Amino acid sequence: MVSIQFIEQNYPVNQVLNYVGLKPSSYYYKQSDGSKGKTKSTVTYKQNGTFEKNEIVITQIEELLQIEFVNCGYRKVTWYLRNALMLDLLNKMVK
């Protein structure tokens, strides 16, 4: 990159980046080696404190969506999970 050559020749970094139209955050960015975010949960908790494996919950959602003429968006599916299956979708515990 041309900008790096000028920066290595002790030109002011901000002036060089401004001239080539590059944001400083792009120049100074360092990619991290670690994984991002929390670890994936393997279970979904129920309102009574027990839990089910996520594979079972996914199967239950798929069965709901297989019903003929079903018109479910995420809100209706969420209602179904909370009220019909009694899942606690706000529980932040990860196992």
PDB file of N, CA and C in Angstrom:
ATOM      1  N   MET A   1       0.828  -1.166   0.000  1.00  0.00           N
ATOM      2  CA  MET A   1       0.000   0.000   0.000  1.00  0.00           C
ATOM      3  C   MET A   1       0.884   1.244   0.000  1.00  0.00           C
ATOM      4  N   VAL A   2       0.508   2.231  -0.756  1.00  0.00           N
ATOM      5  CA  VAL A   2       1.300   3.452  -0.880  1.00  0.00           C
ATOM      6  C   VAL A   2       1.349   4.207   0.430  1.00  0.00           C
ATOM      7  N   SER A   3       0.242   4.227   1.152  1.00  0.00           N
ATOM      8  CA  SER A   3       0.204   4.985   2.406  1.00  0.00           C
ATOM      9  C   SER A   3       1.225   4.454   3.412  1.00  0.00           C
ATOM     10  N   ILE A   4       1.414   3.151   3.454  1.00  0.00           N
ATOM     11  CA  ILE A   4       2.379   2.564   4.392  1.00  0.00           C
ATOM     12  C   ILE A   4       3.800   3.005   4.055  1.00  0.00           C
ATOM     13  N   GLN A   5       4.104   3.122   2.769  1.00  0.00           N
ATOM     14  CA  GLN A   5       5.436   3.577   2.366  1.00  0.00           C
ATOM     15  C   GLN A   5       5.708   4.990   2.873  1.00  0.00           C
ATOM     16  N   PHE A   6       4.713   5.877   2.758  1.00  0.00           N
ATOM     17  CA  PHE A   6       4.899   7.245   3.243  1.00  0.00           C
ATOM     18  C   PHE A   6       4.981   7.294   4.763  1.00  0.00           C
ATOM     19  N   ILE A   7       4.171   6.473   5.434  1.00  0.00           N
ATOM     20  CA  ILE A   7       4.201   6.453   6.896  1.00  0.00           C
ATOM     21  C   ILE A   7       5.544   5.934   7.378  1.00  0.00           C
ATOM     22  N   GLU A   8       6.111   4.951   6.682  1.00  0.00           N
ATOM     23  CA  GLU A   8       7.433   4.428   7.051  1.00  0.00           C
ATOM     24  C   GLU A   8       8.524   5.460   6.824  1.00  0.00           C
ATOM     25  N   GLN A   9       8.279   6.436   5.964  1.00  0.00           N
ATOM     26  CA  GLN A   9       9.244   7.519   5.714  1.00  0.00           C
ATOM     27  C   GLN A   9       9.013   8.692   6.674  1.00  0.00           C
ATOM     28  N   ASN A  10       8.270   8.434   7.754  1.00  0.00           N
ATOM     29  CA  ASN A  10       8.022   9.385   8.843  1.00  0.00           C
ATOM     30  C   ASN A  10       7.128  10.568   8.467  1.00  0.00           C
ATOM     31  N   TYR A  11       6.273  10.389   7.471  1.00  0.00           N
ATOM     32  CA  TYR A  11       5.239  11.395   7.220  1.00  0.00           C
ATOM     33  C   TYR A  11       4.162  11.223   8.300  1.00  0.00           C
ATOM     34  N   PRO A  12       3.475  12.306   8.677  1.00  0.00           N
ATOM     35  CA  PRO A  12       2.435  12.193   9.706  1.00  0.00           C
ATOM     36  C   PRO A  12       1.320  11.230   9.275  1.00  0.00           C
ATOM     37  N   VAL A  13       1.013  10.298  10.149  1.00  0.00           N
ATOM     38  CA  VAL A  13       0.046   9.246   9.830  1.00  0.00           C
ATOM     39  C   VAL A  13      -1.315   9.833   9.462  1.00  0.00           C
ATOM     40  N   ASN A  14      -1.799  10.784  10.265  1.00  0.00           N
ATOM     41  CA  ASN A  14      -3.124  11.343  10.003  1.00  0.00           C
ATOM     42  C   ASN A  14      -3.191  12.059   8.659  1.00  0.00           C
ATOM     43  N   GLN A  15      -2.143  12.765   8.296  1.00  0.00           N
ATOM     44  CA  GLN A  15      -2.139  13.470   7.017  1.00  0.00           C
ATOM     45  C   GLN A  15      -2.132  12.491   5.846  1.00  0.00           C
ATOM     46  N   VAL A  16      -1.349  11.432   5.959  1.00  0.00           N
ATOM     47  CA  VAL A  16      -1.285  10.435   4.888  1.00  0.00           C
ATOM     48  C   VAL A  16      -2.632   9.737   4.737  1.00  0.00           C
ATOM     49  N   LEU A  17      -3.219   9.332   5.852  1.00  0.00           N
ATOM     50  CA  LEU A  17      -4.507   8.639   5.797  1.00  0.00           C
ATOM     51  C   LEU A  17      -5.598   9.556   5.254  1.00  0.00           C
ATOM     52  N   ASN A  18      -5.574  10.821   5.648  1.00  0.00           N
ATOM     53  CA  ASN A  18      -6.553  11.775   5.146  1.00  0.00           C
ATOM     54  C   ASN A  18      -6.381  11.969   3.635  1.00  0.00           C
ATOM     55  N   TYR A  19      -5.154  12.029   3.180  1.00  0.00           N
ATOM     56  CA  TYR A  19      -4.877  12.245   1.753  1.00  0.00           C
ATOM     57  C   TYR A  19      -5.371  11.068   0.906  1.00  0.00           C
ATOM     58  N   VAL A  20      -5.172   9.840   1.398  1.00  0.00           N
ATOM     59  CA  VAL A  20      -5.604   8.664   0.624  1.00  0.00           C
ATOM     60  C   VAL A  20      -7.059   8.293   0.910  1.00  0.00           C
ATOM     61  N   GLY A  21      -7.713   8.986   1.852  1.00  0.00           N
ATOM     62  CA  GLY A  21      -9.120   8.734   2.137  1.00  0.00           C
ATOM     63  C   GLY A  21      -9.365   7.489   2.970  1.00  0.00           C
ATOM     64  N   LEU A  22      -8.431   7.175   3.848  1.00  0.00           N
ATOM     65  CA  LEU A  22      -8.550   5.995   4.698  1.00  0.00           C
ATOM     66  C   LEU A  22      -8.806   6.429   6.133  1.00  0.00           C
ATOM     67  N   LYS A  23      -9.770   5.797   6.774  1.00  0.00           N
ATOM     68  CA  LYS A  23     -10.078   6.111   8.171  1.00  0.00           C
ATOM     69  C   LYS A  23      -8.986   5.530   9.074  1.00  0.00           C
ATOM     70  N   PRO A  24      -8.621   6.246  10.139  1.00  0.00           N
ATOM     71  CA  PRO A  24      -7.594   5.731  11.048  1.00  0.00           C
ATOM     72  C   PRO A  24      -7.953   4.375  11.649  1.00  0.00           C
ATOM     73  N   SER A  25      -9.250   4.131  11.891  1.00  0.00           N
ATOM     74  CA  SER A  25      -9.636   2.843  12.476  1.00  0.00           C
ATOM     75  C   SER A  25      -9.304   1.689  11.533  1.00  0.00           C
ATOM     76  N   SER A  26      -9.359   1.926  10.236  1.00  0.00           N
ATOM     77  CA  SER A  26      -8.997   0.884   9.272  1.00  0.00           C
ATOM     78  C   SER A  26      -7.494   0.639   9.269  1.00  0.00           C
ATOM     79  N   TYR A  27      -6.719   1.692   9.449  1.00  0.00           N
ATOM     80  CA  TYR A  27      -5.265   1.560   9.451  1.00  0.00           C
ATOM     81  C   TYR A  27      -4.775   0.843  10.709  1.00  0.00           C
ATOM     82  N   TYR A  28      -5.360   1.185  11.856  1.00  0.00           N
ATOM     83  CA  TYR A  28      -4.898   0.630  13.127  1.00  0.00           C
ATOM     84  C   TYR A  28      -5.569  -0.681  13.498  1.00  0.00           C
ATOM     85  N   TYR A  29      -6.508  -1.168  12.710  1.00  0.00           N
ATOM     86  CA  TYR A  29      -7.253  -2.387  13.037  1.00  0.00           C
ATOM     87  C   TYR A  29      -6.332  -3.587  13.148  1.00  0.00           C
ATOM     88  N   LYS A  30      -6.509  -4.342  14.227  1.00  0.00           N
ATOM     89  CA  LYS A  30      -5.768  -5.594  14.431  1.00  0.00           C
ATOM     90  C   LYS A  30      -6.797  -6.698  14.641  1.00  0.00           C
ATOM     91  N   GLN A  31      -6.785  -7.719  13.810  1.00  0.00           N
ATOM     92  CA  GLN A  31      -7.734  -8.812  13.927  1.00  0.00           C
ATOM     93  C   GLN A  31      -7.409  -9.638  15.162  1.00  0.00           C
ATOM     94  N   SER A  32      -8.445  -9.951  15.947  1.00  0.00           N
ATOM     95  CA  SER A  32      -8.243 -10.736  17.157  1.00  0.00           C
ATOM     96  C   SER A  32      -8.203 -12.217  16.812  1.00  0.00           C
ATOM     97  N   ASP A  33      -7.510 -12.972  17.663  1.00  0.00           N
ATOM     98  CA  ASP A  33      -7.379 -14.405  17.440  1.00  0.00           C
ATOM     99  C   ASP A  33      -8.520 -15.192  18.078  1.00  0.00           C
ATOM    100  N   GLY A  34      -9.138 -14.625  19.109  1.00  0.00           N
ATOM    101  CA  GLY A  34     -10.166 -15.347  19.852  1.00  0.00           C
ATOM    102  C   GLY A  34     -11.512 -15.348  19.147  1.00  0.00           C
ATOM    103  N   SER A  35     -12.382 -16.212  19.620  1.00  0.00           N
ATOM    104  CA  SER A  35     -13.732 -16.260  19.068  1.00  0.00           C
ATOM    105  C   SER A  35     -14.556 -15.134  19.666  1.00  0.00           C
ATOM    106  N   LYS A  36     -15.569 -14.693  18.937  1.00  0.00           N
ATOM    107  CA  LYS A  36     -16.378 -13.570  19.370  1.00  0.00           C
ATOM    108  C   LYS A  36     -17.633 -14.052  20.074  1.00  0.00           C
ATOM    109  N   GLY A  37     -18.072 -13.306  21.065  1.00  0.00           N
ATOM    110  CA  GLY A  37     -19.348 -13.558  21.710  1.00  0.00           C
ATOM    111  C   GLY A  37     -19.313 -14.661  22.753  1.00  0.00           C
ATOM    112  N   LYS A  38     -20.516 -14.925  23.266  1.00  0.00           N
ATOM    113  CA  LYS A  38     -20.660 -15.962  24.281  1.00  0.00           C
ATOM    114  C   LYS A  38     -20.627 -17.336  23.624  1.00  0.00           C
ATOM    115  N   THR A  39     -20.413 -18.342  24.446  1.00  0.00           N
ATOM    116  CA  THR A  39     -20.483 -19.710  23.943  1.00  0.00           C
ATOM    117  C   THR A  39     -21.932 -20.070  23.657  1.00  0.00           C
ATOM    118  N   LYS A  40     -22.152 -20.921  22.702  1.00  0.00           N
ATOM    119  CA  LYS A  40     -23.496 -21.323  22.324  1.00  0.00           C
ATOM    120  C   LYS A  40     -24.114 -22.157  23.429  1.00  0.00           C
ATOM    121  N   SER A  41     -25.412 -21.911  23.669  1.00  0.00           N
ATOM    122  CA  SER A  41     -26.100 -22.708  24.671  1.00  0.00           C
ATOM    123  C   SER A  41     -26.471 -24.061  24.063  1.00  0.00           C
ATOM    124  N   THR A  42     -26.565 -25.055  24.901  1.00  0.00           N
ATOM    125  CA  THR A  42     -26.949 -26.388  24.438  1.00  0.00           C
ATOM    126  C   THR A  42     -28.330 -26.777  24.932  1.00  0.00           C
ATOM    127  N   VAL A  43     -28.868 -25.991  25.871  1.00  0.00           N
ATOM    128  CA  VAL A  43     -30.184 -26.286  26.444  1.00  0.00           C
ATOM    129  C   VAL A  43     -31.012 -25.015  26.495  1.00  0.00           C
ATOM    130  N   THR A  44     -32.341 -25.204  26.560  1.00  0.00           N
ATOM    131  CA  THR A  44     -33.277 -24.110  26.763  1.00  0.00           C
ATOM    132  C   THR A  44     -34.051 -24.410  28.037  1.00  0.00           C
ATOM    133  N   TYR A  45     -34.087 -23.440  28.933  1.00  0.00           N
ATOM    134  CA  TYR A  45     -34.739 -23.643  30.226  1.00  0.00           C
ATOM    135  C   TYR A  45     -36.245 -23.465  30.111  1.00  0.00           C
ATOM    136  N   LYS A  46     -36.952 -24.238  30.924  1.00  0.00           N
ATOM    137  CA  LYS A  46     -38.406 -24.123  31.012  1.00  0.00           C
ATOM    138  C   LYS A  46     -38.744 -23.224  32.191  1.00  0.00           C
ATOM    139  N   GLN A  47     -39.995 -22.796  32.235  1.00  0.00           N
ATOM    140  CA  GLN A  47     -40.425 -21.882  33.290  1.00  0.00           C
ATOM    141  C   GLN A  47     -40.435 -22.545  34.660  1.00  0.00           C
ATOM    142  N   ASN A  48     -40.483 -23.868  34.713  1.00  0.00           N
ATOM    143  CA  ASN A  48     -40.486 -24.557  36.007  1.00  0.00           C
ATOM    144  C   ASN A  48     -39.070 -24.902  36.490  1.00  0.00           C
ATOM    145  N   GLY A  49     -38.053 -24.467  35.765  1.00  0.00           N
ATOM    146  CA  GLY A  49     -36.672 -24.675  36.195  1.00  0.00           C
ATOM    147  C   GLY A  49     -35.972 -25.839  35.522  1.00  0.00           C
ATOM    148  N   THR A  50     -36.708 -26.730  34.875  1.00  0.00           N
ATOM    149  CA  THR A  50     -36.079 -27.826  34.145  1.00  0.00           C
ATOM    150  C   THR A  50     -35.603 -27.299  32.790  1.00  0.00           C
ATOM    151  N   PHE A  51     -34.994 -28.169  32.008  1.00  0.00           N
ATOM    152  CA  PHE A  51     -34.523 -27.722  30.707  1.00  0.00           C
ATOM    153  C   PHE A  51     -34.708 -28.806  29.666  1.00  0.00           C
ATOM    154  N   GLU A  52     -34.662 -28.392  28.407  1.00  0.00           N
ATOM    155  CA  GLU A  52     -34.710 -29.309  27.270  1.00  0.00           C
ATOM    156  C   GLU A  52     -33.522 -29.021  26.369  1.00  0.00           C
ATOM    157  N   LYS A  53     -33.044 -30.044  25.696  1.00  0.00           N
ATOM    158  CA  LYS A  53     -31.954 -29.844  24.745  1.00  0.00           C
ATOM    159  C   LYS A  53     -32.456 -29.008  23.577  1.00  0.00           C
ATOM    160  N   ASN A  54     -31.578 -28.207  23.021  1.00  0.00           N
ATOM    161  CA  ASN A  54     -31.954 -27.339  21.910  1.00  0.00           C
ATOM    162  C   ASN A  54     -32.429 -28.125  20.694  1.00  0.00           C
ATOM    163  N   GLU A  55     -31.909 -29.331  20.489  1.00  0.00           N
ATOM    164  CA  GLU A  55     -32.342 -30.144  19.354  1.00  0.00           C
ATOM    165  C   GLU A  55     -33.833 -30.458  19.438  1.00  0.00           C
ATOM    166  N   ILE A  56     -34.321 -30.710  20.653  1.00  0.00           N
ATOM    167  CA  ILE A  56     -35.746 -31.016  20.851  1.00  0.00           C
ATOM    168  C   ILE A  56     -36.590 -29.779  20.563  1.00  0.00           C
ATOM    169  N   VAL A  57     -36.135 -28.616  21.034  1.00  0.00           N
ATOM    170  CA  VAL A  57     -36.873 -27.380  20.798  1.00  0.00           C
ATOM    171  C   VAL A  57     -36.922 -27.070  19.300  1.00  0.00           C
ATOM    172  N   ILE A  58     -35.824 -27.284  18.604  1.00  0.00           N
ATOM    173  CA  ILE A  58     -35.798 -27.052  17.156  1.00  0.00           C
ATOM    174  C   ILE A  58     -36.776 -27.980  16.457  1.00  0.00           C
ATOM    175  N   THR A  59     -36.819 -29.228  16.876  1.00  0.00           N
ATOM    176  CA  THR A  59     -37.767 -30.182  16.294  1.00  0.00           C
ATOM    177  C   THR A  59     -39.205 -29.728  16.532  1.00  0.00           C
ATOM    178  N   GLN A  60     -39.487 -29.213  17.728  1.00  0.00           N
ATOM    179  CA  GLN A  60     -40.832 -28.739  18.033  1.00  0.00           C
ATOM    180  C   GLN A  60     -41.209 -27.541  17.165  1.00  0.00           C
ATOM    181  N   ILE A  61     -40.281 -26.644  16.923  1.00  0.00           N
ATOM    182  CA  ILE A  61     -40.544 -25.502  16.041  1.00  0.00           C
ATOM    183  C   ILE A  61     -40.787 -25.980  14.618  1.00  0.00           C
ATOM    184  N   GLU A  62     -39.973 -26.917  14.156  1.00  0.00           N
ATOM    185  CA  GLU A  62     -40.152 -27.449  12.798  1.00  0.00           C
ATOM    186  C   GLU A  62     -41.510 -28.121  12.645  1.00  0.00           C
ATOM    187  N   GLU A  63     -41.948 -28.860  13.684  1.00  0.00           N
ATOM    188  CA  GLU A  63     -43.260 -29.498  13.636  1.00  0.00           C
ATOM    189  C   GLU A  63     -44.376 -28.457  13.571  1.00  0.00           C
ATOM    190  N   LEU A  64     -44.221 -27.358  14.306  1.00  0.00           N
ATOM    191  CA  LEU A  64     -45.209 -26.282  14.262  1.00  0.00           C
ATOM    192  C   LEU A  64     -45.307 -25.701  12.858  1.00  0.00           C
ATOM    193  N   LEU A  65     -44.174 -25.495  12.233  1.00  0.00           N
ATOM    194  CA  LEU A  65     -44.159 -24.863  10.911  1.00  0.00           C
ATOM    195  C   LEU A  65     -44.560 -25.825   9.798  1.00  0.00           C
ATOM    196  N   GLN A  66     -44.641 -27.124  10.076  1.00  0.00           N
ATOM    197  CA  GLN A  66     -45.065 -28.105   9.073  1.00  0.00           C
ATOM    198  C   GLN A  66     -46.580 -28.178   8.932  1.00  0.00           C
ATOM    199  N   ILE A  67     -47.311 -27.594   9.887  1.00  0.00           N
ATOM    200  CA  ILE A  67     -48.766 -27.630   9.850  1.00  0.00           C
ATOM    201  C   ILE A  67     -49.236 -26.870   8.611  1.00  0.00           C
ATOM    202  N   GLU A  68     -50.177 -27.472   7.883  1.00  0.00           N
ATOM    203  CA  GLU A  68     -50.667 -26.868   6.651  1.00  0.00           C
ATOM    204  C   GLU A  68     -51.380 -25.549   6.961  1.00  0.00           C
ATOM    205  N   PHE A  69     -51.127 -24.562   6.135  1.00  0.00           N
ATOM    206  CA  PHE A  69     -51.718 -23.234   6.221  1.00  0.00           C
ATOM    207  C   PHE A  69     -51.304 -22.461   7.473  1.00  0.00           C
ATOM    208  N   VAL A  70     -50.222 -22.837   8.091  1.00  0.00           N
ATOM    209  CA  VAL A  70     -49.760 -22.099   9.260  1.00  0.00           C
ATOM    210  C   VAL A  70     -49.111 -20.800   8.780  1.00  0.00           C
ATOM    211  N   ASN A  71     -49.416 -19.736   9.474  1.00  0.00           N
ATOM    212  CA  ASN A  71     -48.900 -18.418   9.121  1.00  0.00           C
ATOM    213  C   ASN A  71     -48.195 -17.865  10.355  1.00  0.00           C
ATOM    214  N   CYS A  72     -46.966 -18.307  10.592  1.00  0.00           N
ATOM    215  CA  CYS A  72     -46.247 -17.927  11.808  1.00  0.00           C
ATOM    216  C   CYS A  72     -45.011 -17.119  11.471  1.00  0.00           C
ATOM    217  N   GLY A  73     -44.933 -15.952  12.082  1.00  0.00           N
ATOM    218  CA  GLY A  73     -43.706 -15.190  12.086  1.00  0.00           C
ATOM    219  C   GLY A  73     -42.994 -15.443  13.393  1.00  0.00           C
ATOM    220  N   TYR A  74     -41.952 -14.678  13.653  1.00  0.00           N
ATOM    221  CA  TYR A  74     -41.179 -14.931  14.864  1.00  0.00           C
ATOM    222  C   TYR A  74     -41.987 -14.613  16.123  1.00  0.00           C
ATOM    223  N   ARG A  75     -42.931 -13.648  16.043  1.00  0.00           N
ATOM    224  CA  ARG A  75     -43.718 -13.314  17.230  1.00  0.00           C
ATOM    225  C   ARG A  75     -44.644 -14.460  17.626  1.00  0.00           C
ATOM    226  N   LYS A  76     -45.299 -15.069  16.652  1.00  0.00           N
ATOM    227  CA  LYS A  76     -46.198 -16.188  16.967  1.00  0.00           C
ATOM    228  C   LYS A  76     -45.411 -17.409  17.425  1.00  0.00           C
ATOM    229  N   VAL A  77     -44.249 -17.630  16.822  1.00  0.00           N
ATOM    230  CA  VAL A  77     -43.414 -18.756  17.256  1.00  0.00           C
ATOM    231  C   VAL A  77     -42.928 -18.509  18.684  1.00  0.00           C
ATOM    232  N   THR A  78     -42.540 -17.273  18.997  1.00  0.00           N
ATOM    233  CA  THR A  78     -42.108 -16.945  20.354  1.00  0.00           C
ATOM    234  C   THR A  78     -43.248 -17.147  21.344  1.00  0.00           C
ATOM    235  N   TRP A  79     -44.464 -16.707  20.983  1.00  0.00           N
ATOM    236  CA  TRP A  79     -45.626 -16.915  21.851  1.00  0.00           C
ATOM    237  C   TRP A  79     -45.825 -18.405  22.093  1.00  0.00           C
ATOM    238  N   TYR A  80     -45.732 -19.208  21.035  1.00  0.00           N
ATOM    239  CA  TYR A  80     -45.895 -20.664  21.133  1.00  0.00           C
ATOM    240  C   TYR A  80     -44.855 -21.269  22.082  1.00  0.00           C
ATOM    241  N   LEU A  81     -43.625 -20.844  21.948  1.00  0.00           N
ATOM    242  CA  LEU A  81     -42.562 -21.385  22.799  1.00  0.00           C
ATOM    243  C   LEU A  81     -42.780 -21.016  24.265  1.00  0.00           C
ATOM    244  N   ARG A  82     -43.192 -19.780  24.516  1.00  0.00           N
ATOM    245  CA  ARG A  82     -43.376 -19.326  25.893  1.00  0.00           C
ATOM    246  C   ARG A  82     -44.634 -19.896  26.528  1.00  0.00           C
ATOM    247  N   ASN A  83     -45.746 -19.890  25.794  1.00  0.00           N
ATOM    248  CA  ASN A  83     -47.035 -20.222  26.399  1.00  0.00           C
ATOM    249  C   ASN A  83     -47.439 -21.679  26.221  1.00  0.00           C
ATOM    250  N   ALA A  84     -47.222 -22.250  25.057  1.00  0.00           N
ATOM    251  CA  ALA A  84     -47.622 -23.642  24.842  1.00  0.00           C
ATOM    252  C   ALA A  84     -46.562 -24.612  25.364  1.00  0.00           C
ATOM    253  N   LEU A  85     -45.291 -24.307  25.123  1.00  0.00           N
ATOM    254  CA  LEU A  85     -44.224 -25.208  25.568  1.00  0.00           C
ATOM    255  C   LEU A  85     -43.624 -24.788  26.909  1.00  0.00           C
ATOM    256  N   MET A  86     -44.042 -23.632  27.425  1.00  0.00           N
ATOM    257  CA  MET A  86     -43.606 -23.130  28.736  1.00  0.00           C
ATOM    258  C   MET A  86     -42.088 -22.964  28.821  1.00  0.00           C
ATOM    259  N   LEU A  87     -41.470 -22.443  27.772  1.00  0.00           N
ATOM    260  CA  LEU A  87     -40.030 -22.220  27.770  1.00  0.00           C
ATOM    261  C   LEU A  87     -39.737 -20.835  28.326  1.00  0.00           C
ATOM    262  N   ASP A  88     -38.636 -20.713  29.057  1.00  0.00           N
ATOM    263  CA  ASP A  88     -38.204 -19.449  29.621  1.00  0.00           C
ATOM    264  C   ASP A  88     -37.147 -18.873  28.690  1.00  0.00           C
ATOM    265  N   LEU A  89     -37.582 -18.055  27.740  1.00  0.00           N
ATOM    266  CA  LEU A  89     -36.668 -17.562  26.714  1.00  0.00           C
ATOM    267  C   LEU A  89     -35.811 -16.417  27.190  1.00  0.00           C
ATOM    268  N   LEU A  90     -36.080 -15.871  28.352  1.00  0.00           N
ATOM    269  CA  LEU A  90     -35.284 -14.741  28.867  1.00  0.00           C
ATOM    270  C   LEU A  90     -34.210 -15.172  29.837  1.00  0.00           C
ATOM    271  N   ASN A  91     -34.148 -16.456  30.154  1.00  0.00           N
ATOM    272  CA  ASN A  91     -33.145 -16.953  31.086  1.00  0.00           C
ATOM    273  C   ASN A  91     -31.763 -16.813  30.452  1.00  0.00           C
ATOM    274  N   LYS A  92     -30.843 -16.172  31.147  1.00  0.00           N
ATOM    275  CA  LYS A  92     -29.513 -15.890  30.603  1.00  0.00           C
ATOM    276  C   LYS A  92     -28.476 -16.944  30.962  1.00  0.00           C
ATOM    277  N   MET A  93     -28.892 -17.986  31.671  1.00  0.00           N
ATOM    278  CA  MET A  93     -27.935 -19.026  32.071  1.00  0.00           C
ATOM    279  C   MET A  93     -27.505 -19.833  30.866  1.00  0.00           C
ATOM    280  N   VAL A  94     -26.221 -20.125  30.780  1.00  0.00           N
ATOM    281  CA  VAL A  94     -25.677 -20.943  29.698  1.00  0.00           C
ATOM    282  C   VAL A  94     -25.038 -22.161  30.315  1.00  0.00           C
ATOM    283  N   LYS A  95     -25.382 -23.319  29.822  1.00  0.00           N
ATOM    284  CA  LYS A  95     -24.803 -24.576  30.328  1.00  0.00           C
ATOM    285  C   LYS A  95     -23.983 -25.208  29.248  1.00  0.00           C
TER     286      LYS A  95
END
